[in-house]
N, C-alpha and C. Protein backbone atom coordinates (compact mmCIF):
# COMPACT_ATOMS: atom_id res chain seq x y z
N MET A 1 -2.08 -11.79 11.35
CA MET A 1 -3.08 -12.76 10.93
C MET A 1 -2.93 -14.00 11.81
N ASN A 2 -4.01 -14.42 12.42
CA ASN A 2 -3.94 -15.58 13.31
C ASN A 2 -3.96 -16.89 12.51
N LEU A 3 -3.72 -17.99 13.19
CA LEU A 3 -3.62 -19.30 12.55
C LEU A 3 -4.94 -19.68 11.86
N PHE A 4 -6.06 -19.42 12.52
CA PHE A 4 -7.36 -19.74 11.93
C PHE A 4 -7.55 -19.00 10.60
N GLN A 5 -7.22 -17.72 10.57
CA GLN A 5 -7.37 -16.93 9.35
C GLN A 5 -6.44 -17.44 8.24
N LYS A 6 -5.23 -17.84 8.61
CA LYS A 6 -4.29 -18.38 7.62
C LYS A 6 -4.81 -19.68 7.02
N LEU A 7 -5.36 -20.55 7.87
CA LEU A 7 -5.92 -21.81 7.38
C LEU A 7 -7.14 -21.56 6.48
N LYS A 8 -7.99 -20.65 6.90
CA LYS A 8 -9.17 -20.30 6.11
C LYS A 8 -8.74 -19.76 4.74
N ASP A 9 -7.75 -18.87 4.75
CA ASP A 9 -7.23 -18.29 3.52
C ASP A 9 -6.64 -19.38 2.62
N PHE A 10 -5.88 -20.28 3.20
CA PHE A 10 -5.26 -21.37 2.44
C PHE A 10 -6.34 -22.24 1.78
N PHE A 11 -7.32 -22.68 2.56
CA PHE A 11 -8.36 -23.54 2.00
C PHE A 11 -9.18 -22.82 0.93
N TYR A 12 -9.46 -21.55 1.14
CA TYR A 12 -10.25 -20.80 0.16
C TYR A 12 -9.48 -20.65 -1.14
N TRP A 13 -8.23 -20.19 -1.06
CA TRP A 13 -7.47 -19.90 -2.28
C TRP A 13 -6.85 -21.14 -2.90
N GLU A 14 -6.26 -21.98 -2.11
CA GLU A 14 -5.48 -23.08 -2.66
C GLU A 14 -6.31 -24.33 -2.97
N ILE A 15 -7.42 -24.49 -2.33
CA ILE A 15 -8.22 -25.70 -2.58
C ILE A 15 -9.54 -25.36 -3.27
N PHE A 16 -10.40 -24.59 -2.61
CA PHE A 16 -11.71 -24.27 -3.16
C PHE A 16 -11.62 -23.60 -4.53
N ASN A 17 -10.83 -22.52 -4.62
CA ASN A 17 -10.73 -21.80 -5.89
C ASN A 17 -10.01 -22.60 -6.97
N ARG A 18 -9.03 -23.41 -6.60
CA ARG A 18 -8.35 -24.24 -7.60
C ARG A 18 -9.32 -25.29 -8.17
N LEU A 19 -10.14 -25.87 -7.30
CA LEU A 19 -11.13 -26.84 -7.78
C LEU A 19 -12.13 -26.19 -8.73
N LYS A 20 -12.46 -24.94 -8.48
CA LYS A 20 -13.39 -24.21 -9.35
C LYS A 20 -12.69 -23.67 -10.60
N GLY A 21 -11.36 -23.76 -10.63
CA GLY A 21 -10.61 -23.21 -11.77
C GLY A 21 -10.45 -21.71 -11.70
N ASN A 22 -10.56 -21.16 -10.49
CA ASN A 22 -10.50 -19.70 -10.31
C ASN A 22 -9.23 -19.22 -9.62
N ASN A 23 -8.16 -19.96 -9.73
CA ASN A 23 -6.94 -19.52 -9.07
C ASN A 23 -5.77 -19.64 -10.04
N GLN A 24 -5.74 -18.76 -11.00
CA GLN A 24 -4.70 -18.76 -12.03
C GLN A 24 -3.41 -18.17 -11.46
N ASP A 25 -2.30 -18.86 -11.68
CA ASP A 25 -0.99 -18.35 -11.27
C ASP A 25 -0.49 -17.34 -12.31
N VAL A 26 0.08 -16.24 -11.80
CA VAL A 26 0.62 -15.18 -12.63
C VAL A 26 2.00 -14.82 -12.08
N VAL A 27 2.96 -14.56 -12.97
CA VAL A 27 4.28 -14.11 -12.54
C VAL A 27 4.41 -12.62 -12.79
N CYS A 28 5.09 -11.94 -11.87
CA CYS A 28 5.34 -10.51 -11.97
C CYS A 28 6.84 -10.29 -11.75
N ALA A 29 7.48 -9.61 -12.69
CA ALA A 29 8.94 -9.45 -12.63
C ALA A 29 9.32 -8.01 -12.31
N VAL A 30 9.98 -7.84 -11.17
CA VAL A 30 10.56 -6.56 -10.80
C VAL A 30 11.98 -6.60 -11.38
N ILE A 31 12.14 -6.03 -12.59
CA ILE A 31 13.42 -6.07 -13.29
C ILE A 31 14.21 -4.83 -12.90
N ILE A 32 15.38 -5.07 -12.33
CA ILE A 32 16.19 -3.99 -11.77
C ILE A 32 17.38 -3.67 -12.69
N ASN A 33 17.59 -2.37 -12.90
CA ASN A 33 18.76 -1.88 -13.62
C ASN A 33 19.10 -0.48 -13.09
N GLN A 34 20.30 -0.31 -12.58
CA GLN A 34 20.78 0.98 -12.06
C GLN A 34 19.78 1.63 -11.10
N ASN A 35 19.34 0.87 -10.12
CA ASN A 35 18.42 1.33 -9.08
C ASN A 35 17.04 1.75 -9.58
N LYS A 36 16.69 1.33 -10.77
CA LYS A 36 15.35 1.59 -11.29
C LYS A 36 14.72 0.25 -11.64
N ILE A 37 13.39 0.26 -11.76
CA ILE A 37 12.68 -0.95 -12.14
C ILE A 37 11.93 -0.69 -13.45
N LEU A 38 11.79 -1.75 -14.23
CA LEU A 38 11.13 -1.63 -15.52
C LEU A 38 9.62 -1.69 -15.34
N ALA A 39 8.95 -0.73 -15.97
CA ALA A 39 7.49 -0.68 -15.92
C ALA A 39 6.97 -0.59 -17.35
N GLN A 40 5.76 -1.08 -17.53
CA GLN A 40 5.09 -0.97 -18.83
C GLN A 40 3.69 -0.44 -18.60
N THR A 41 3.15 0.20 -19.63
CA THR A 41 1.79 0.68 -19.51
C THR A 41 0.85 -0.51 -19.39
N ALA A 42 -0.13 -0.36 -18.55
CA ALA A 42 -1.09 -1.44 -18.31
C ALA A 42 -2.02 -1.58 -19.51
N GLN A 43 -2.39 -2.81 -19.79
CA GLN A 43 -3.38 -3.05 -20.84
C GLN A 43 -4.74 -2.63 -20.30
N LYS A 44 -5.53 -1.96 -21.11
CA LYS A 44 -6.86 -1.53 -20.67
C LYS A 44 -7.66 -2.73 -20.20
N ASN A 45 -8.29 -2.60 -19.04
CA ASN A 45 -9.08 -3.69 -18.48
C ASN A 45 -10.17 -3.10 -17.61
N LYS A 46 -11.40 -3.12 -18.08
CA LYS A 46 -12.53 -2.56 -17.33
C LYS A 46 -12.86 -3.38 -16.09
N LEU A 47 -12.59 -4.69 -16.15
CA LEU A 47 -12.91 -5.57 -15.03
C LEU A 47 -12.19 -5.15 -13.75
N ILE A 48 -10.92 -4.77 -13.88
CA ILE A 48 -10.17 -4.36 -12.68
C ILE A 48 -9.77 -2.89 -12.73
N SER A 49 -10.46 -2.10 -13.54
CA SER A 49 -10.29 -0.66 -13.62
C SER A 49 -8.85 -0.23 -13.91
N THR A 50 -8.31 -0.68 -15.01
CA THR A 50 -7.00 -0.21 -15.43
C THR A 50 -7.14 0.46 -16.78
N ASP A 51 -6.20 1.33 -17.09
CA ASP A 51 -6.17 1.94 -18.41
C ASP A 51 -4.72 2.08 -18.83
N ASP A 52 -4.51 2.54 -20.05
CA ASP A 52 -3.15 2.59 -20.57
C ASP A 52 -2.36 3.82 -20.13
N THR A 53 -2.81 4.50 -19.08
CA THR A 53 -2.00 5.55 -18.47
C THR A 53 -1.41 5.06 -17.14
N GLN A 54 -1.77 3.86 -16.75
CA GLN A 54 -1.26 3.27 -15.52
C GLN A 54 -0.12 2.32 -15.85
N TYR A 55 0.72 2.06 -14.85
CA TYR A 55 1.88 1.19 -15.06
C TYR A 55 1.80 -0.08 -14.23
N VAL A 56 2.41 -1.12 -14.77
CA VAL A 56 2.56 -2.41 -14.11
C VAL A 56 3.97 -2.91 -14.38
N VAL A 57 4.41 -3.88 -13.59
CA VAL A 57 5.66 -4.55 -13.92
C VAL A 57 5.33 -5.63 -14.94
N PRO A 58 6.27 -6.00 -15.79
CA PRO A 58 6.01 -7.04 -16.79
C PRO A 58 5.69 -8.39 -16.13
N GLY A 59 4.89 -9.18 -16.80
CA GLY A 59 4.54 -10.50 -16.30
C GLY A 59 3.34 -11.04 -17.03
N GLY A 60 2.86 -12.19 -16.55
CA GLY A 60 1.69 -12.78 -17.18
C GLY A 60 1.36 -14.14 -16.61
N LYS A 61 0.37 -14.78 -17.20
CA LYS A 61 -0.15 -16.05 -16.70
C LYS A 61 0.82 -17.20 -16.94
N VAL A 62 0.84 -18.10 -15.97
CA VAL A 62 1.62 -19.32 -16.07
C VAL A 62 0.82 -20.33 -16.88
N GLU A 63 1.46 -20.95 -17.85
CA GLU A 63 0.78 -21.94 -18.68
C GLU A 63 0.73 -23.29 -17.96
N PRO A 64 -0.27 -24.13 -18.27
CA PRO A 64 -0.37 -25.45 -17.62
C PRO A 64 0.93 -26.25 -17.77
N GLY A 65 1.42 -26.79 -16.66
CA GLY A 65 2.63 -27.59 -16.66
C GLY A 65 3.92 -26.79 -16.63
N GLU A 66 3.83 -25.48 -16.68
CA GLU A 66 5.01 -24.62 -16.72
C GLU A 66 5.44 -24.27 -15.29
N THR A 67 6.74 -24.24 -15.05
CA THR A 67 7.22 -23.80 -13.73
C THR A 67 7.14 -22.28 -13.66
N LEU A 68 7.14 -21.76 -12.44
CA LEU A 68 7.11 -20.30 -12.27
C LEU A 68 8.34 -19.66 -12.90
N ASN A 69 9.50 -20.28 -12.70
CA ASN A 69 10.75 -19.75 -13.25
C ASN A 69 10.69 -19.70 -14.77
N ALA A 70 10.20 -20.75 -15.40
CA ALA A 70 10.08 -20.78 -16.86
C ALA A 70 9.09 -19.71 -17.33
N ALA A 71 8.01 -19.53 -16.58
CA ALA A 71 7.00 -18.53 -16.94
C ALA A 71 7.59 -17.12 -16.89
N VAL A 72 8.43 -16.85 -15.89
CA VAL A 72 9.06 -15.53 -15.81
C VAL A 72 9.87 -15.28 -17.08
N HIS A 73 10.73 -16.23 -17.43
CA HIS A 73 11.57 -16.06 -18.62
C HIS A 73 10.73 -15.88 -19.90
N ARG A 74 9.71 -16.70 -20.06
CA ARG A 74 8.88 -16.64 -21.26
C ARG A 74 8.11 -15.32 -21.34
N GLU A 75 7.45 -14.95 -20.24
CA GLU A 75 6.64 -13.73 -20.24
C GLU A 75 7.49 -12.48 -20.47
N ILE A 76 8.65 -12.42 -19.85
CA ILE A 76 9.50 -11.23 -20.01
C ILE A 76 10.00 -11.15 -21.45
N LYS A 77 10.36 -12.27 -22.02
CA LYS A 77 10.79 -12.28 -23.42
C LYS A 77 9.64 -11.84 -24.32
N GLU A 78 8.42 -12.35 -24.07
CA GLU A 78 7.26 -12.00 -24.89
C GLU A 78 6.88 -10.53 -24.78
N GLU A 79 7.05 -9.95 -23.60
CA GLU A 79 6.57 -8.57 -23.39
C GLU A 79 7.64 -7.50 -23.59
N THR A 80 8.91 -7.85 -23.38
CA THR A 80 9.96 -6.81 -23.43
C THR A 80 11.12 -7.17 -24.36
N ASN A 81 11.14 -8.40 -24.83
CA ASN A 81 12.23 -8.96 -25.63
C ASN A 81 13.51 -9.18 -24.82
N LEU A 82 13.46 -8.94 -23.52
CA LEU A 82 14.65 -9.12 -22.68
C LEU A 82 14.81 -10.58 -22.25
N ASN A 83 16.06 -10.97 -22.07
CA ASN A 83 16.40 -12.19 -21.35
C ASN A 83 16.78 -11.73 -19.95
N VAL A 84 16.35 -12.46 -18.93
CA VAL A 84 16.64 -12.04 -17.55
C VAL A 84 17.21 -13.20 -16.74
N ASP A 85 17.91 -12.84 -15.70
CA ASP A 85 18.30 -13.78 -14.66
C ASP A 85 17.37 -13.54 -13.49
N VAL A 86 16.77 -14.60 -12.97
CA VAL A 86 15.93 -14.47 -11.79
C VAL A 86 16.83 -14.47 -10.57
N VAL A 87 16.75 -13.41 -9.77
CA VAL A 87 17.59 -13.26 -8.59
C VAL A 87 16.96 -13.96 -7.39
N LYS A 88 15.67 -13.68 -7.18
CA LYS A 88 14.97 -14.31 -6.05
C LYS A 88 13.48 -14.10 -6.16
N LYS A 89 12.73 -14.95 -5.47
CA LYS A 89 11.29 -14.77 -5.37
C LYS A 89 11.02 -13.90 -4.15
N LEU A 90 10.20 -12.86 -4.35
CA LEU A 90 9.83 -11.97 -3.26
C LEU A 90 8.71 -12.55 -2.41
N GLY A 91 7.76 -13.21 -3.06
CA GLY A 91 6.60 -13.76 -2.35
C GLY A 91 5.40 -13.80 -3.28
N SER A 92 4.22 -13.96 -2.70
CA SER A 92 2.99 -14.05 -3.49
C SER A 92 1.91 -13.16 -2.89
N THR A 93 1.10 -12.60 -3.77
CA THR A 93 -0.06 -11.80 -3.36
C THR A 93 -1.26 -12.32 -4.14
N ARG A 94 -2.45 -11.80 -3.83
CA ARG A 94 -3.66 -12.22 -4.52
C ARG A 94 -4.36 -11.02 -5.15
N ASN A 95 -4.99 -11.27 -6.29
CA ASN A 95 -5.75 -10.25 -7.01
C ASN A 95 -6.92 -10.94 -7.68
N ASN A 96 -8.10 -10.79 -7.12
CA ASN A 96 -9.29 -11.47 -7.64
C ASN A 96 -9.02 -12.97 -7.72
N LYS A 97 -9.10 -13.54 -8.92
CA LYS A 97 -8.89 -14.98 -9.05
C LYS A 97 -7.43 -15.33 -9.36
N TYR A 98 -6.52 -14.37 -9.29
CA TYR A 98 -5.13 -14.59 -9.61
C TYR A 98 -4.25 -14.66 -8.38
N LYS A 99 -3.29 -15.57 -8.41
CA LYS A 99 -2.24 -15.62 -7.40
C LYS A 99 -0.99 -15.09 -8.08
N LEU A 100 -0.52 -13.93 -7.62
CA LEU A 100 0.62 -13.26 -8.24
C LEU A 100 1.91 -13.65 -7.53
N HIS A 101 2.86 -14.16 -8.29
CA HIS A 101 4.17 -14.57 -7.76
C HIS A 101 5.19 -13.51 -8.21
N TRP A 102 5.78 -12.82 -7.22
CA TRP A 102 6.67 -11.69 -7.49
C TRP A 102 8.13 -12.12 -7.44
N PHE A 103 8.90 -11.71 -8.46
CA PHE A 103 10.31 -12.07 -8.59
C PHE A 103 11.16 -10.84 -8.85
N ILE A 104 12.37 -10.85 -8.33
CA ILE A 104 13.36 -9.84 -8.69
C ILE A 104 14.22 -10.45 -9.79
N CYS A 105 14.42 -9.68 -10.86
CA CYS A 105 15.20 -10.14 -12.01
C CYS A 105 16.17 -9.04 -12.44
N VAL A 106 17.20 -9.45 -13.17
CA VAL A 106 18.11 -8.49 -13.80
C VAL A 106 18.22 -8.85 -15.28
N PRO A 107 18.26 -7.83 -16.15
CA PRO A 107 18.39 -8.10 -17.58
C PRO A 107 19.80 -8.55 -17.91
N THR A 108 19.93 -9.42 -18.91
CA THR A 108 21.27 -9.86 -19.32
C THR A 108 21.82 -9.04 -20.48
N ASP A 109 20.95 -8.38 -21.26
CA ASP A 109 21.38 -7.57 -22.40
C ASP A 109 20.33 -6.49 -22.66
N LEU A 110 20.60 -5.27 -22.18
CA LEU A 110 19.63 -4.18 -22.30
C LEU A 110 19.36 -3.75 -23.74
N SER A 111 20.27 -4.06 -24.65
CA SER A 111 20.08 -3.63 -26.04
C SER A 111 18.88 -4.32 -26.68
N LEU A 112 18.39 -5.41 -26.08
CA LEU A 112 17.24 -6.14 -26.63
C LEU A 112 15.90 -5.51 -26.28
N LEU A 113 15.88 -4.58 -25.31
CA LEU A 113 14.63 -4.02 -24.79
C LEU A 113 13.84 -3.29 -25.88
N LYS A 114 12.57 -3.68 -26.03
CA LYS A 114 11.68 -3.00 -26.97
C LYS A 114 10.23 -3.36 -26.64
N VAL A 115 9.31 -2.51 -27.08
CA VAL A 115 7.89 -2.81 -26.96
C VAL A 115 7.58 -3.89 -27.99
N VAL A 116 7.20 -5.06 -27.52
CA VAL A 116 6.95 -6.19 -28.41
C VAL A 116 5.48 -6.24 -28.84
N GLU A 117 4.59 -5.85 -27.94
CA GLU A 117 3.16 -5.93 -28.22
C GLU A 117 2.53 -4.53 -28.16
N PRO A 118 2.70 -3.73 -29.22
CA PRO A 118 2.23 -2.34 -29.17
C PRO A 118 0.72 -2.19 -29.00
N LEU A 119 -0.06 -3.22 -29.32
CA LEU A 119 -1.50 -3.13 -29.11
C LEU A 119 -1.86 -3.32 -27.64
N LYS A 120 -0.97 -3.94 -26.87
CA LYS A 120 -1.22 -4.18 -25.45
C LYS A 120 -0.53 -3.15 -24.55
N GLN A 121 0.61 -2.65 -24.98
CA GLN A 121 1.35 -1.70 -24.16
C GLN A 121 1.90 -0.58 -25.03
N LYS A 122 1.81 0.64 -24.54
CA LYS A 122 2.30 1.78 -25.30
C LYS A 122 3.78 2.04 -25.03
N GLU A 123 4.22 1.71 -23.82
CA GLU A 123 5.53 2.19 -23.41
C GLU A 123 6.17 1.25 -22.38
N LEU A 124 7.50 1.19 -22.45
CA LEU A 124 8.33 0.57 -21.41
C LEU A 124 9.24 1.66 -20.90
N LYS A 125 9.38 1.77 -19.58
CA LYS A 125 10.31 2.77 -19.08
C LYS A 125 10.86 2.36 -17.72
N TRP A 126 12.05 2.89 -17.42
CA TRP A 126 12.71 2.63 -16.15
C TRP A 126 12.24 3.66 -15.15
N ILE A 127 11.81 3.20 -13.98
CA ILE A 127 11.20 4.08 -12.98
C ILE A 127 11.89 3.89 -11.64
N ASP A 128 12.11 5.01 -10.96
CA ASP A 128 12.62 4.98 -9.60
C ASP A 128 11.45 4.61 -8.68
N LEU A 129 11.65 3.63 -7.84
CA LEU A 129 10.59 3.17 -6.95
C LEU A 129 10.10 4.29 -6.02
N GLU A 130 10.95 5.28 -5.78
CA GLU A 130 10.59 6.41 -4.92
C GLU A 130 9.78 7.49 -5.64
N ASP A 131 9.63 7.39 -6.94
CA ASP A 131 8.92 8.40 -7.73
C ASP A 131 7.43 8.35 -7.41
N LYS A 132 6.95 9.36 -6.73
CA LYS A 132 5.54 9.42 -6.30
C LYS A 132 4.59 9.82 -7.43
N ASN A 133 5.13 10.24 -8.58
CA ASN A 133 4.30 10.70 -9.70
C ASN A 133 3.92 9.57 -10.66
N VAL A 134 4.39 8.36 -10.38
CA VAL A 134 4.07 7.23 -11.26
C VAL A 134 2.68 6.71 -10.92
N ASN A 135 1.87 6.54 -11.93
CA ASN A 135 0.50 6.07 -11.75
C ASN A 135 0.46 4.55 -11.90
N TRP A 136 0.89 3.84 -10.84
CA TRP A 136 0.83 2.38 -10.83
C TRP A 136 -0.61 1.92 -10.70
N THR A 137 -0.93 0.74 -11.20
CA THR A 137 -2.24 0.16 -10.90
C THR A 137 -2.28 -0.09 -9.40
N PRO A 138 -3.44 -0.06 -8.78
CA PRO A 138 -3.50 -0.21 -7.32
C PRO A 138 -2.84 -1.48 -6.79
N LYS A 139 -3.07 -2.62 -7.42
CA LYS A 139 -2.48 -3.88 -6.92
C LYS A 139 -0.97 -3.91 -7.12
N ASN A 140 -0.45 -3.34 -8.21
CA ASN A 140 1.00 -3.28 -8.39
C ASN A 140 1.61 -2.35 -7.35
N PHE A 141 0.98 -1.20 -7.11
CA PHE A 141 1.49 -0.27 -6.12
C PHE A 141 1.51 -0.91 -4.73
N GLU A 142 0.43 -1.58 -4.39
CA GLU A 142 0.33 -2.24 -3.08
C GLU A 142 1.44 -3.28 -2.91
N ALA A 143 1.66 -4.09 -3.92
CA ALA A 143 2.70 -5.13 -3.83
C ALA A 143 4.09 -4.52 -3.80
N LEU A 144 4.34 -3.52 -4.65
CA LEU A 144 5.66 -2.89 -4.67
C LEU A 144 5.98 -2.23 -3.32
N MET A 145 4.98 -1.63 -2.69
CA MET A 145 5.22 -1.03 -1.37
C MET A 145 5.42 -2.12 -0.32
N HIS A 146 4.68 -3.22 -0.45
CA HIS A 146 4.84 -4.34 0.49
C HIS A 146 6.25 -4.92 0.41
N TYR A 147 6.78 -5.03 -0.81
CA TYR A 147 8.11 -5.62 -1.02
C TYR A 147 9.22 -4.57 -1.14
N LYS A 148 8.91 -3.33 -0.86
CA LYS A 148 9.86 -2.23 -1.07
C LYS A 148 11.20 -2.46 -0.38
N ALA A 149 11.20 -2.88 0.86
CA ALA A 149 12.46 -3.09 1.59
C ALA A 149 13.30 -4.18 0.91
N LYS A 150 12.66 -5.26 0.48
CA LYS A 150 13.39 -6.34 -0.20
C LYS A 150 13.92 -5.88 -1.56
N ILE A 151 13.13 -5.07 -2.26
CA ILE A 151 13.57 -4.56 -3.57
C ILE A 151 14.75 -3.62 -3.39
N THR A 152 14.65 -2.73 -2.40
CA THR A 152 15.74 -1.79 -2.13
C THR A 152 17.01 -2.52 -1.75
N GLU A 153 16.90 -3.55 -0.93
CA GLU A 153 18.06 -4.35 -0.55
C GLU A 153 18.67 -5.02 -1.77
N ALA A 154 17.83 -5.57 -2.64
CA ALA A 154 18.32 -6.22 -3.87
C ALA A 154 19.02 -5.21 -4.77
N GLN A 155 18.46 -3.99 -4.86
CA GLN A 155 19.08 -2.95 -5.69
C GLN A 155 20.49 -2.65 -5.19
N LYS A 156 20.67 -2.56 -3.89
CA LYS A 156 22.01 -2.30 -3.32
C LYS A 156 22.95 -3.45 -3.65
N HIS A 157 22.49 -4.67 -3.48
CA HIS A 157 23.32 -5.84 -3.73
C HIS A 157 23.70 -5.96 -5.20
N ILE A 158 22.74 -5.72 -6.09
CA ILE A 158 22.98 -5.81 -7.53
C ILE A 158 23.95 -4.72 -7.97
N LYS A 159 23.82 -3.53 -7.41
CA LYS A 159 24.70 -2.41 -7.74
C LYS A 159 26.15 -2.72 -7.36
N GLU A 160 26.34 -3.43 -6.26
CA GLU A 160 27.69 -3.77 -5.78
C GLU A 160 28.38 -4.78 -6.66
N GLU A 161 27.61 -5.61 -7.36
CA GLU A 161 28.21 -6.69 -8.16
C GLU A 161 28.88 -6.18 -9.41
């Protein structure tokens, strides 16, 4: 991507869309345990063509005045009942009017894991990133493949600790 395209992208997403109120920040947590990542069934959404047979990583919208780090902790607790340590930020991607901030996290107590919102998600499960049979939503799959090398490196580092 050349400099002109980067500037155009920045002004479109960070200034124009924010002024219009169309650039909501969202956190996405790649929670790692024993070389697997936590996935949950996607909430049905006709707008972006998802259904409850597809998977996403846990996460959600950042509330006004909330830091990204605080949002990760709050959203993960709300969706999985887990407390997590944030290891690092992977980066950011875009999805329609959302700016997705991707983080690697580790759970502090696996015994707390449970489906908290059964009307929104049917299942939580640990998935191997290499499993080709997982039906990820397109944007989650795209981001996970984009960050795959960083996730794999983090998995090795976390396993060694």
